[in-house]
C-alpha atoms as a PDB file:
ATOM      1  CA  MET A   1      -0.132  -0.320   0.047  1.00  0.00           C
ATOM      2  CA  TYR A   2       2.835   2.204   0.790  1.00  0.00           C
ATOM      3  CA  ALA A   3       4.737   1.971  -2.749  1.00  0.00           C
ATOM      4  CA  VAL A   4       0.945   2.482  -4.376  1.00  0.00           C
ATOM      5  CA  GLY A   5       0.567   5.765  -2.667  1.00  0.00           C
ATOM      6  CA  LEU A   6       4.040   6.997  -3.167  1.00  0.00           C
ATOM      7  CA  LEU A   7       3.556   6.569  -6.945  1.00  0.00           C
ATOM      8  CA  LEU A   8       0.275   8.325  -6.559  1.00  0.00           C
ATOM      9  CA  LEU A   9       1.971  10.951  -4.962  1.00  0.00           C
ATOM     10  CA  PHE A  10       4.603  10.877  -7.826  1.00  0.00           C
ATOM     11  CA  LEU A  11       2.161  11.421 -10.785  1.00  0.00           C
ATOM     12  CA  LEU A  12       0.254  14.259  -8.539  1.00  0.00           C
ATOM     13  CA  GLU A  13       3.706  15.833  -8.506  1.00  0.00           C
ATOM     14  CA  LEU A  14       3.995  15.551 -12.292  1.00  0.00           C
ATOM     15  CA  ALA A  15       0.261  16.722 -12.593  1.00  0.00           C
ATOM     16  CA  VAL A  16       1.194  19.974 -10.924  1.00  0.00           C
ATOM     17  CA  LEU A  17       4.177  20.322 -13.708  1.00  0.00           C
ATOM     18  CA  ALA A  18       1.944  19.843 -16.316  1.00  0.00           C
ATOM     19  CA  ILE A  19      -0.315  22.068 -15.264  1.00  0.00           C
ATOM     20  CA  GLY A  20       2.142  25.021 -15.053  1.00  0.00           C
ATOM     21  CA  GLY A  21       2.991  24.260 -18.512  1.00  0.00           C
ATOM     22  CA  TRP A  22      -0.396  24.380 -19.579  1.00  0.00           C
ATOM     23  CA  TRP A  23      -1.225  27.568 -17.855  1.00  0.00           C
ATOM     24  CA  GLY A  24       1.623  29.055 -19.189  1.00  0.00           C
ATOM     25  CA  TRP A  25       0.689  28.207 -22.806  1.00  0.00           C
ATOM     26  CA  ALA A  26      -2.811  29.578 -22.108  1.00  0.00           C
ATOM     27  CA  LEU A  27      -1.767  33.333 -21.134  1.00  0.00           C
ATOM     28  CA  ASP A  28      -3.204  35.698 -23.750  1.00  0.00           C
ATOM     29  CA  ALA A  29       0.017  36.577 -24.952  1.00  0.00           C
ATOM     30  CA  GLY A  30       2.013  36.656 -27.612  1.00  0.00           C
ATOM     31  CA  THR A  31       3.643  33.036 -28.966  1.00  0.00           C
ATOM     32  CA  PRO A  32       7.119  34.000 -27.456  1.00  0.00           C
ATOM     33  CA  VAL A  33       5.743  35.111 -23.910  1.00  0.00           C
ATOM     34  CA  ARG A  34       3.695  31.966 -23.770  1.00  0.00           C
ATOM     35  CA  LEU A  35       6.429  29.121 -25.085  1.00  0.00           C
ATOM     36  CA  ALA A  36       8.430  31.326 -22.279  1.00  0.00           C
ATOM     37  CA  ALA A  37       6.237  30.451 -19.837  1.00  0.00           C
ATOM     38  CA  ALA A  38       5.106  27.290 -20.764  1.00  0.00           C
ATOM     39  CA  VAL A  39       8.458  26.500 -20.060  1.00  0.00           C
ATOM     40  CA  ALA A  40       9.742  28.717 -17.456  1.00  0.00           C
ATOM     41  CA  VAL A  41       6.324  27.799 -15.140  1.00  0.00           C
ATOM     42  CA  PRO A  42       7.477  23.924 -15.025  1.00  0.00           C
ATOM     43  CA  LEU A  43      10.612  24.703 -14.897  1.00  0.00           C
ATOM     44  CA  LEU A  44      10.387  27.106 -11.608  1.00  0.00           C
ATOM     45  CA  LEU A  45       8.039  24.441  -9.804  1.00  0.00           C
ATOM     46  CA  ALA A  46      10.380  21.127 -10.147  1.00  0.00           C
ATOM     47  CA  ALA A  47      13.313  23.926  -9.093  1.00  0.00           C
ATOM     48  CA  LEU A  48      11.161  24.594  -5.994  1.00  0.00           C
ATOM     49  CA  TRP A  49      10.330  20.638  -5.626  1.00  0.00           C
ATOM     50  CA  GLY A  50      13.769  20.087  -5.455  1.00  0.00           C
ATOM     51  CA  VAL A  51      14.998  22.701  -3.084  1.00  0.00           C
ATOM     52  CA  LEU A  52      12.263  22.529  -0.190  1.00  0.00           C
ATOM     53  CA  GLY A  53       9.352  19.571  -1.451  1.00  0.00           C
ATOM     54  CA  SER A  54      11.351  16.390  -2.302  1.00  0.00           C
ATOM     55  CA  PRO A  55      12.493  13.773  -0.295  1.00  0.00           C
ATOM     56  CA  LYS A  56      16.362  14.305  -1.154  1.00  0.00           C
ATOM     57  CA  ALA A  57      15.392  18.666  -0.769  1.00  0.00           C
ATOM     58  CA  ARG A  58      18.844  20.785  -0.862  1.00  0.00           C
ATOM     59  CA  VAL A  59      17.030  22.587   2.231  1.00  0.00           C
ATOM     60  CA  PRO A  60      16.160  19.965   4.766  1.00  0.00           C
ATOM     61  CA  LEU A  61      13.110  21.618   6.374  1.00  0.00           C
ATOM     62  CA  PRO A  62      10.925  20.241   9.695  1.00  0.00           C
ATOM     63  CA  ALA A  63       8.606  17.811   9.256  1.00  0.00           C
ATOM     64  CA  ALA A  64       6.120  20.724   9.302  1.00  0.00           C
ATOM     65  CA  GLY A  65       7.816  22.924   7.106  1.00  0.00           C
ATOM     66  CA  LYS A  66       7.831  20.315   4.489  1.00  0.00           C
ATOM     67  CA  HIS A  67       4.259  19.097   4.941  1.00  0.00           C
ATOM     68  CA  ALA A  68       3.158  23.303   4.617  1.00  0.00           C
ATOM     69  CA  PHE A  69       5.262  23.357   1.252  1.00  0.00           C
ATOM     70  CA  GLN A  70       4.081  20.479  -0.213  1.00  0.00           C
ATOM     71  CA  ALA A  71       0.415  21.393   0.428  1.00  0.00           C
ATOM     72  CA  ALA A  72       1.182  25.094  -0.717  1.00  0.00           C
ATOM     73  CA  TRP A  73       2.727  23.160  -4.189  1.00  0.00           C
ATOM     74  CA  PHE A  74      -0.832  21.319  -4.412  1.00  0.00           C
ATOM     75  CA  ALA A  75      -2.816  24.346  -3.690  1.00  0.00           C
ATOM     76  CA  VAL A  76      -1.027  26.302  -6.531  1.00  0.00           C
ATOM     77  CA  GLY A  77      -1.773  23.436  -8.440  1.00  0.00           C
ATOM     78  CA  GLY A  78      -5.664  23.533  -8.022  1.00  0.00           C
ATOM     79  CA  GLY A  79      -5.782  27.253  -8.282  1.00  0.00           C
ATOM     80  CA  LEU A  80      -3.694  27.215 -11.709  1.00  0.00           C
ATOM     81  CA  LEU A  81      -6.262  24.552 -12.788  1.00  0.00           C
ATOM     82  CA  ALA A  82      -9.520  26.693 -11.293  1.00  0.00           C
ATOM     83  CA  LEU A  83      -7.541  29.735 -13.727  1.00  0.00           C
ATOM     84  CA  LEU A  84      -7.816  27.598 -16.958  1.00  0.00           C
ATOM     85  CA  GLY A  85     -11.180  27.033 -15.882  1.00  0.00           C
ATOM     86  CA  TRP A  86     -11.537  23.855 -14.241  1.00  0.00           C
ATOM     87  CA  PRO A  87     -11.825  25.025 -10.506  1.00  0.00           C
ATOM     88  CA  LEU A  88     -13.569  21.440  -9.670  1.00  0.00           C
ATOM     89  CA  ALA A  89     -10.320  19.434 -11.069  1.00  0.00           C
ATOM     90  CA  GLY A  90      -8.436  21.748  -9.066  1.00  0.00           C
ATOM     91  CA  VAL A  91     -10.500  20.625  -5.861  1.00  0.00           C
ATOM     92  CA  ALA A  92      -9.764  17.061  -6.859  1.00  0.00           C
ATOM     93  CA  LEU A  93      -6.135  18.094  -7.210  1.00  0.00           C
ATOM     94  CA  VAL A  94      -5.840  19.114  -3.830  1.00  0.00           C
ATOM     95  CA  VAL A  95      -8.182  16.474  -1.937  1.00  0.00           C
ATOM     96  CA  GLY A  96      -6.339  13.438  -3.776  1.00  0.00           C
ATOM     97  CA  TRP A  97      -2.936  15.166  -2.451  1.00  0.00           C
ATOM     98  CA  ALA A  98      -4.801  15.066   0.844  1.00  0.00           C
ATOM     99  CA  LEU A  99      -6.102  11.631   0.740  1.00  0.00           C
ATOM    100  CA  THR A 100      -2.818  10.261  -0.835  1.00  0.00           C
ATOM    101  CA  VAL A 101      -0.973  11.541   2.155  1.00  0.00           C
ATOM    102  CA  ALA A 102      -3.203   9.971   4.216  1.00  0.00           C
ATOM    103  CA  LEU A 103      -2.662   6.993   3.035  1.00  0.00           C
ATOM    104  CA  VAL A 104       0.919   7.045   2.821  1.00  0.00           C
ATOM    105  CA  ARG A 105       0.766   8.053   6.814  1.00  0.00           C
ATOM    106  CA  ARG A 106      -1.763   5.222   7.646  1.00  0.00           C
ATOM    107  CA  ALA A 107       0.763   2.874   6.434  1.00  0.00           C
ATOM    108  CA  GLY A 108       3.445   3.829   8.842  1.00  0.00           C
ATOM    109  CA  ARG A 109       5.561   6.078   7.218  1.00  0.00           C
ATOM    110  CA  PRO A 110       6.051   9.717   6.246  1.00  0.00           C
ATOM    111  CA  ALA A 111       5.055  10.671   3.283  1.00  0.00           C
END
């Protein structure tokens, strides 16, 4: 069950990166700006995750700080979906993350 939970968390993390690219491409701007945003937003999100949110983060946060960062990460993903016109999908993303974290923690290991 733990491995399934980790897989789900990983897929949700990738979804936030994809949503960031989608949001960047959907901006009301010229093609060069949209392309730059579609590349830059996921790269920025990935950099933040690597520095603060991943299990091998460069800046180790206390458990509460890491959980707060991860909650904010998925809230941003949900917010970007809402800005794209998919508010229920944004809520589903955040709720899916919260349920998956609960599943992993119930298995007796931190997420």
